[in-house]
Amino acid sequence: MSKFSKILGGTAVALTLMAGASQASAALITEWGYEVQAGFSAFSPAAGDQNAPPNDTTNNGVVGSDPNNSPTAGIISGLPTTISWGLGSNGGDPSSLSVTPTVNNPPNLFTNAGPVLGAAVTHANNVITGQSLTLDSATIATTLTLTPITPPGSDFGPVPIGFDIEFNETDNAGIGGGQCTPGTGAPPCADIFVLQNPGVLDFDFVRDGFLYTVELLVDGLGVLSDEACAAAGEAAGCIGFITAENQTNVLQTAFQISARPVPEPGTLALLGLGLLGLGIARRRKAAA
């Protein structure tokens, strides 16, 4: 699993450094139940293909299907869990992108332990005709609900998380005499996905004296080659994944949770006074 973590702000870092000064009295939640819901909240064909209705199969448009009909889907309810585009070459199937509608426990999620599986993203990367519309961008909308089990407590969530992705359908014949974009293999050339908002891959929340960090892990996600980024219209160092042509590619997600105590307000005040006293002592010494 690949992991990209955001840099915590100064306050969070300070709290982490001072955590050893005082252990909060509240109980750490060590075991959680969870539920992940997913669907596509937005999708569009590539620029230049906009004259065709986006949901018109007769014009090979980008089509949503398989709505999330789970009774617990909440704000995800009714969103398509599959989008497809293009006419399959030689009568084959169109290309498609799909997400797992619902993932929940068991197994349960444990704090400061290993990850559990989340939704899977599947790209059926089929060869399509050159006249077909292609996908340009999509947003995978997900929600995560955490339920404390040990000790028991009220649900946390659902937390909405949106993954904004840009897509590039590569020229399967290769560029310039059979050469694929560097970093995407040999012909038939792999397709390129770029994650636009990698900051969504982790988030923090405070509960009963502990700072919890949820980290999302994605198998196959990483920094793409400069050439692959450029082919997708992105700056060098973009984060994404590539999918092999004429194959079903599965991008498995997972998540884990860690926790550390937040100092009690009294400890923060005492620490502040101590730092203030240290500063005064230094000034007196300098004056002497």
Protein backbone atom coordinates (compact mmCIF):
# COMPACT_ATOMS: atom_id res chain seq x y z
CA MET A 1 0.00 0.00 0.00
CA SER A 2 1.19 3.49 -0.82
CA LYS A 3 0.57 6.26 1.68
CA PHE A 4 0.69 10.03 1.22
CA SER A 5 0.23 11.93 4.49
CA LYS A 6 -0.51 15.59 4.87
CA ILE A 7 1.81 17.75 6.99
CA LEU A 8 0.12 18.60 10.26
CA GLY A 9 -0.25 22.23 11.20
CA GLY A 10 1.87 23.83 13.91
CA THR A 11 -0.72 23.31 16.63
CA ALA A 12 -1.08 19.62 15.91
CA VAL A 13 2.68 19.16 15.86
CA ALA A 14 2.99 21.00 19.18
CA LEU A 15 0.34 18.80 20.72
CA THR A 16 2.16 15.73 19.49
CA LEU A 17 5.45 16.87 21.02
CA MET A 18 3.81 17.67 24.34
CA ALA A 19 1.71 14.53 24.52
CA GLY A 20 4.12 12.82 26.87
CA ALA A 21 3.74 15.57 29.45
CA SER A 22 0.30 14.46 30.55
CA GLN A 23 -1.93 11.50 29.81
CA ALA A 24 -5.55 12.49 29.27
CA SER A 25 -7.92 10.81 31.69
CA ALA A 26 -10.45 9.71 29.04
CA ALA A 27 -10.36 6.14 27.73
CA LEU A 28 -8.68 5.41 24.43
CA ILE A 29 -10.99 3.83 21.84
CA THR A 30 -9.13 0.67 20.89
CA GLU A 31 -11.66 -1.06 18.63
CA TRP A 32 -14.03 0.30 15.98
CA GLY A 33 -16.75 -0.83 13.66
CA TYR A 34 -16.84 0.94 10.31
CA GLU A 35 -18.78 1.38 7.09
CA VAL A 36 -17.56 2.82 3.78
CA GLN A 37 -20.06 3.90 1.12
CA ALA A 38 -19.02 4.95 -2.40
CA GLY A 39 -20.35 6.22 -5.71
CA PHE A 40 -19.58 8.71 -8.47
CA SER A 41 -20.84 12.21 -7.74
CA ALA A 42 -19.53 13.71 -11.00
CA PHE A 43 -18.06 12.57 -14.32
CA SER A 44 -17.58 14.11 -17.76
CA PRO A 45 -16.26 13.27 -21.23
CA ALA A 46 -13.04 14.69 -22.57
CA ALA A 47 -12.87 18.22 -23.98
CA GLY A 48 -13.96 18.30 -27.58
CA ASP A 49 -16.50 15.54 -26.95
CA GLN A 50 -18.97 17.80 -25.16
CA ASN A 51 -21.34 18.04 -28.14
CA ALA A 52 -22.59 14.55 -27.44
CA PRO A 53 -25.05 14.18 -24.55
CA PRO A 54 -23.05 12.76 -21.62
CA ASN A 55 -25.62 10.05 -20.85
CA ASP A 56 -26.61 9.14 -24.42
CA THR A 57 -25.40 5.63 -25.21
CA THR A 58 -26.19 6.09 -28.91
CA ASN A 59 -23.45 8.75 -29.00
CA ASN A 60 -21.04 6.66 -26.94
CA GLY A 61 -21.31 9.07 -24.00
CA VAL A 62 -19.99 8.63 -20.46
CA VAL A 63 -22.79 6.75 -18.76
CA GLY A 64 -23.49 6.14 -15.06
CA SER A 65 -25.16 2.93 -13.88
CA ASP A 66 -25.60 0.58 -10.90
CA PRO A 67 -26.80 3.14 -8.31
CA ASN A 68 -25.81 2.66 -4.68
CA ASN A 69 -29.11 1.45 -3.23
CA SER A 70 -27.79 0.44 0.18
CA PRO A 71 -30.25 1.43 2.95
CA THR A 72 -27.34 3.02 4.83
CA ALA A 73 -25.83 4.93 1.90
CA GLY A 74 -26.91 8.35 3.21
CA ILE A 75 -25.63 11.17 0.99
CA ILE A 76 -24.20 8.54 -1.39
CA SER A 77 -27.64 7.02 -1.97
CA GLY A 78 -28.58 6.81 -5.64
CA LEU A 79 -25.13 7.71 -6.99
CA PRO A 80 -23.90 5.42 -9.78
CA THR A 81 -21.18 2.98 -8.78
CA THR A 82 -20.13 2.32 -12.40
CA ILE A 83 -19.37 4.72 -15.24
CA SER A 84 -18.62 3.50 -18.75
CA TRP A 85 -17.59 5.10 -22.02
CA GLY A 86 -16.76 4.33 -25.63
CA LEU A 87 -17.62 1.64 -28.12
CA GLY A 88 -15.60 -1.51 -27.71
CA SER A 89 -13.29 -2.27 -30.60
CA ASN A 90 -14.51 -5.15 -32.84
CA GLY A 91 -17.79 -5.34 -30.92
CA GLY A 92 -16.16 -5.64 -27.50
CA ASP A 93 -17.24 -4.09 -24.23
CA PRO A 94 -16.78 -0.37 -23.47
CA SER A 95 -14.25 0.80 -20.92
CA SER A 96 -15.57 1.35 -17.40
CA LEU A 97 -14.66 2.47 -13.90
CA SER A 98 -16.46 1.09 -10.87
CA VAL A 99 -16.30 1.28 -7.07
CA THR A 100 -17.41 -1.11 -4.34
CA PRO A 101 -20.76 0.29 -3.08
CA THR A 102 -20.43 -0.76 0.58
CA VAL A 103 -17.63 -2.10 2.78
CA ASN A 104 -18.09 -2.73 6.51
CA ASN A 105 -16.85 -4.80 9.43
CA PRO A 106 -15.99 -7.57 10.23
CA PRO A 107 -13.09 -7.56 10.63
CA ASN A 108 -13.09 -4.73 13.13
CA LEU A 109 -10.62 -1.84 13.01
CA PHE A 110 -8.11 -1.54 15.88
CA THR A 111 -6.33 1.64 16.94
CA ASN A 112 -2.57 1.73 16.35
CA ALA A 113 -2.76 -1.58 14.50
CA GLY A 114 -2.88 -2.72 10.89
CA PRO A 115 -5.24 -1.50 8.14
CA VAL A 116 -8.58 -2.90 7.01
CA LEU A 117 -9.83 -2.95 3.44
CA GLY A 118 -11.92 -0.11 2.05
CA ALA A 119 -13.62 0.27 -1.33
CA ALA A 120 -11.96 -1.14 -4.44
CA VAL A 121 -11.75 0.88 -7.66
CA THR A 122 -11.85 -1.27 -10.82
CA HIS A 123 -10.94 -0.06 -14.31
CA ALA A 124 -11.98 -2.37 -17.12
CA ASN A 125 -9.47 -0.95 -19.58
CA ASN A 126 -10.90 -2.17 -22.86
CA VAL A 127 -9.79 -1.17 -26.35
CA ILE A 128 -12.35 1.27 -27.76
CA THR A 129 -12.82 2.69 -31.24
CA GLY A 130 -11.13 5.95 -32.16
CA GLN A 131 -14.52 7.62 -32.71
CA SER A 132 -15.65 6.99 -29.14
CA LEU A 133 -16.01 9.50 -26.37
CA THR A 134 -13.51 9.06 -23.55
CA LEU A 135 -13.65 9.87 -19.86
CA ASP A 136 -11.99 13.15 -18.87
CA SER A 137 -12.63 13.50 -15.14
CA ALA A 138 -14.63 12.00 -12.31
CA THR A 139 -15.19 12.41 -8.58
CA ILE A 140 -15.43 9.31 -6.42
CA ALA A 141 -17.58 10.29 -3.45
CA THR A 142 -17.17 8.22 -0.29
CA THR A 143 -18.29 8.38 3.31
CA LEU A 144 -16.63 6.76 6.31
CA THR A 145 -18.57 6.05 9.50
CA LEU A 146 -16.65 4.86 12.58
CA THR A 147 -18.46 3.29 15.54
CA PRO A 148 -16.57 2.85 18.84
CA ILE A 149 -16.83 -0.72 20.10
CA THR A 150 -14.27 -0.77 22.93
CA PRO A 151 -15.33 1.18 24.87
CA PRO A 152 -18.73 1.57 23.18
CA GLY A 153 -19.87 5.03 22.10
CA SER A 154 -21.77 7.05 19.54
CA ASP A 155 -20.86 6.98 15.85
CA PHE A 156 -18.28 9.32 14.39
CA GLY A 157 -19.36 10.30 10.90
CA PRO A 158 -20.31 9.81 8.20
CA VAL A 159 -17.23 11.75 7.08
CA PRO A 160 -17.46 12.72 3.38
CA ILE A 161 -14.29 12.14 1.32
CA GLY A 162 -14.14 13.00 -2.37
CA PHE A 163 -11.41 11.76 -4.72
CA ASP A 164 -11.08 14.03 -7.77
CA ILE A 165 -9.39 12.26 -10.66
CA GLU A 166 -8.32 13.27 -14.16
CA PHE A 167 -8.10 10.59 -16.84
CA ASN A 168 -6.07 10.26 -20.02
CA GLU A 169 -7.02 7.63 -22.60
CA THR A 170 -3.70 6.95 -24.31
CA ASP A 171 -3.10 6.23 -27.96
CA ASN A 172 -2.86 2.45 -27.98
CA ALA A 173 -0.83 2.44 -31.20
CA GLY A 174 1.91 4.37 -29.45
CA ILE A 175 3.29 7.81 -30.12
CA GLY A 176 5.88 8.43 -32.82
CA GLY A 177 6.38 4.99 -34.30
CA GLY A 178 5.01 2.74 -31.59
CA GLN A 179 6.46 4.42 -28.51
CA CYS A 180 4.22 4.83 -25.45
CA THR A 181 4.47 7.69 -23.00
CA PRO A 182 7.48 6.89 -20.75
CA GLY A 183 6.33 5.31 -17.55
CA THR A 184 3.26 3.66 -19.10
CA GLY A 185 4.84 0.53 -20.57
CA ALA A 186 4.95 -0.73 -24.17
CA PRO A 187 2.08 -0.77 -26.72
CA PRO A 188 -0.79 -1.19 -26.15
CA CYS A 189 -0.15 1.81 -23.92
CA ALA A 190 -1.48 2.05 -20.36
CA ASP A 191 -4.07 4.69 -19.44
CA ILE A 192 -3.30 7.39 -16.88
CA PHE A 193 -5.23 8.53 -13.81
CA VAL A 194 -4.13 11.56 -11.77
CA LEU A 195 -5.42 12.31 -8.25
CA GLN A 196 -6.14 16.03 -8.03
CA ASN A 197 -6.51 16.32 -4.24
CA PRO A 198 -4.06 13.98 -2.45
CA GLY A 199 -4.69 15.90 0.78
CA VAL A 200 -7.85 13.80 1.29
CA LEU A 201 -5.75 10.73 2.04
CA ASP A 202 -5.72 11.40 5.78
CA PHE A 203 -7.62 13.45 8.34
CA ASP A 204 -7.62 14.06 12.11
CA PHE A 205 -10.28 14.37 14.78
CA VAL A 206 -10.23 14.77 18.57
CA ARG A 207 -12.43 12.68 20.84
CA ASP A 208 -12.35 12.41 24.64
CA GLY A 209 -8.80 13.66 25.03
CA PHE A 210 -7.19 11.79 22.12
CA LEU A 211 -6.16 12.97 18.67
CA TYR A 212 -7.07 10.29 16.12
CA THR A 213 -5.58 10.17 12.63
CA VAL A 214 -7.26 8.18 9.86
CA GLU A 215 -4.88 7.34 7.02
CA LEU A 216 -6.12 6.10 3.66
CA LEU A 217 -3.83 3.72 1.79
CA VAL A 218 -4.12 3.00 -1.93
CA ASP A 219 -2.39 0.08 -3.60
CA GLY A 220 -0.66 1.26 -6.78
CA LEU A 221 -0.94 4.99 -6.13
CA GLY A 222 2.34 6.87 -6.50
CA VAL A 223 4.30 9.65 -8.16
CA LEU A 224 4.07 9.28 -11.94
CA SER A 225 6.83 9.94 -14.45
CA ASP A 226 7.16 13.53 -15.66
CA GLU A 227 6.15 12.37 -19.13
CA ALA A 228 3.01 10.62 -17.83
CA CYS A 229 2.05 13.75 -15.88
CA ALA A 230 2.56 15.89 -18.99
CA ALA A 231 0.48 13.51 -21.12
CA ALA A 232 -2.36 13.95 -18.60
CA GLY A 233 -1.94 17.73 -18.67
CA GLU A 234 -0.48 17.86 -15.16
CA ALA A 235 2.70 19.30 -13.65
CA ALA A 236 5.71 17.12 -12.90
CA GLY A 237 5.45 15.17 -9.66
CA CYS A 238 1.74 14.45 -10.04
CA ILE A 239 0.28 11.57 -8.01
CA GLY A 240 -1.76 8.87 -9.70
CA PHE A 241 -1.74 5.39 -11.18
CA ILE A 242 -1.67 3.74 -14.59
CA THR A 243 -3.81 0.85 -15.81
CA ALA A 244 -2.79 -1.81 -18.31
CA GLU A 245 -4.71 -1.90 -21.60
CA ASN A 246 -7.10 -4.75 -22.34
CA GLN A 247 -7.09 -5.84 -18.69
CA THR A 248 -9.23 -5.47 -15.60
CA ASN A 249 -7.20 -3.34 -13.17
CA VAL A 250 -8.13 -3.26 -9.48
CA LEU A 251 -6.98 -0.44 -7.22
CA GLN A 252 -7.57 -1.60 -3.64
CA THR A 253 -7.93 0.95 -0.87
CA ALA A 254 -7.48 0.41 2.85
CA PHE A 255 -7.42 2.59 5.94
CA GLN A 256 -5.99 2.55 9.44
CA ILE A 257 -6.36 4.65 12.57
CA SER A 258 -3.79 5.81 15.09
CA ALA A 259 -4.15 7.87 18.26
CA ARG A 260 -2.13 9.90 20.70
CA PRO A 261 -3.22 11.73 23.86
CA VAL A 262 -3.95 15.43 23.81
CA PRO A 263 -2.52 17.29 26.84
CA GLU A 264 -5.06 18.58 29.34
CA PRO A 265 -5.57 22.38 29.36
CA GLY A 266 -3.82 22.69 32.74
CA THR A 267 -0.72 21.01 31.36
CA LEU A 268 -0.63 23.38 28.41
CA ALA A 269 -0.90 26.37 30.77
CA LEU A 270 1.91 25.08 33.01
CA LEU A 271 4.09 24.39 29.99
CA GLY A 272 3.43 27.92 28.72
CA LEU A 273 4.40 29.39 32.09
CA GLY A 274 7.54 27.28 32.13
CA LEU A 275 8.58 28.51 28.69
CA LEU A 276 7.82 32.08 29.77
CA GLY A 277 9.97 31.66 32.88
CA LEU A 278 12.78 30.22 30.80
CA GLY A 279 12.65 33.27 28.52
CA ILE A 280 12.74 35.67 31.50
CA ALA A 281 15.70 33.84 33.02
CA ARG A 282 17.60 34.06 29.75
CA ARG A 283 16.95 37.80 29.48
CA ARG A 284 18.15 38.38 33.08
CA LYS A 285 21.30 36.42 32.40
CA ALA A 286 21.96 38.44 29.25
CA ALA A 287 21.39 41.71 31.16
CA ALA A 288 23.87 40.68 33.85
